[in-house]
Protein backbone atom coordinates (compact mmCIF):
# COMPACT_ATOMS: atom_id res chain seq x y z
CA MET A 1 -3.79 -31.56 34.72
CA ASP A 2 -2.88 -30.14 37.89
CA LEU A 3 0.55 -27.98 38.00
CA ASN A 4 1.28 -30.30 40.95
CA LEU A 5 0.96 -33.52 38.99
CA ALA A 6 2.88 -32.47 36.30
CA VAL A 7 6.05 -31.25 38.08
CA ILE A 8 6.07 -34.80 40.09
CA LEU A 9 5.48 -36.88 36.92
CA LEU A 10 8.21 -34.74 34.87
CA GLY A 11 10.98 -34.97 38.40
CA ALA A 12 10.06 -38.76 38.07
CA LEU A 13 10.90 -38.91 34.53
CA THR A 14 13.87 -36.87 34.54
CA THR A 15 15.39 -39.21 37.68
CA GLY A 16 14.76 -42.49 35.77
CA VAL A 17 16.49 -41.28 32.69
CA ILE A 18 19.35 -39.85 34.57
CA ILE A 19 19.64 -43.15 36.24
CA GLY A 20 18.72 -45.55 32.97
CA THR A 21 21.20 -43.72 31.43
CA ILE A 22 23.83 -44.30 34.11
CA LEU A 23 22.78 -48.04 33.24
CA TYR A 24 23.18 -47.71 29.66
CA PHE A 25 26.60 -46.06 29.46
CA LEU A 26 28.04 -48.79 31.81
CA ALA A 27 26.73 -51.63 29.87
CA LYS A 28 27.92 -49.73 26.73
CA ARG A 29 31.59 -50.13 28.34
CA ARG A 30 31.19 -53.75 28.42
CA ALA A 31 29.73 -54.33 25.25
CA LYS A 32 26.51 -55.05 26.34
CA GLN A 33 24.20 -52.53 24.48
CA LYS A 34 20.83 -54.75 24.53
CA LEU A 35 21.21 -55.37 27.95
CA GLY A 36 21.58 -51.37 28.93
CA PHE A 37 19.01 -50.67 26.52
CA ILE A 38 16.72 -52.97 28.02
CA GLY A 39 17.59 -51.84 31.62
CA PHE A 40 17.23 -48.12 30.48
CA PHE A 41 13.71 -48.52 29.57
CA SER A 42 13.04 -50.61 32.92
CA VAL A 43 14.12 -48.18 35.16
CA VAL A 44 13.06 -45.26 33.60
CA VAL A 45 9.24 -47.56 34.10
CA SER A 46 9.80 -48.52 37.31
CA GLN A 47 10.31 -44.58 38.24
CA LEU A 48 7.23 -43.50 36.90
CA VAL A 49 5.23 -46.25 38.80
CA LEU A 50 7.11 -46.44 42.19
CA GLY A 51 9.47 -43.95 42.31
CA TYR A 52 12.35 -45.24 43.98
CA PHE A 53 10.97 -48.01 45.77
CA LEU A 54 11.08 -49.89 42.26
CA SER A 55 13.91 -48.04 40.14
CA ILE A 56 16.72 -48.51 42.32
CA PRO A 57 16.29 -52.27 42.97
CA MET A 58 15.55 -52.41 39.01
CA PHE A 59 19.23 -50.89 38.41
CA LEU A 60 20.75 -53.21 40.79
CA VAL A 61 19.02 -56.17 39.37
CA PHE A 62 20.66 -54.98 35.72
CA LEU A 63 23.86 -53.88 37.09
CA LEU A 64 24.50 -57.05 38.27
CA LEU A 65 23.74 -58.92 35.13
CA ILE A 66 25.47 -56.44 32.89
CA ALA A 67 28.48 -57.34 35.82
CA ILE A 68 28.28 -60.81 35.23
CA ASP A 69 30.49 -62.27 32.75
CA TRP A 70 28.23 -65.44 32.26
CA LYS A 71 29.54 -67.69 29.25
CA GLY A 72 26.46 -70.27 29.90
CA PRO A 73 26.30 -73.64 31.26
CA ILE A 74 29.46 -75.29 32.70
CA HIS A 75 30.25 -78.88 31.09
């Protein structure tokens, strides 16, 4: 493996873990740990695949899902 590729992958993984950890702890404060855990891994994988182009929108989507206090359909 080329050293440049290894450094790029390590940087992407580190950044994804940092962003995902922020998302997880925000979800944990709102008692939505399962959604935070799914969001954590989604952000890490997104960061490895397309970098910030995919991980930031993924972060925002999960942040919106965590912030909305959805209780189901209104009857």
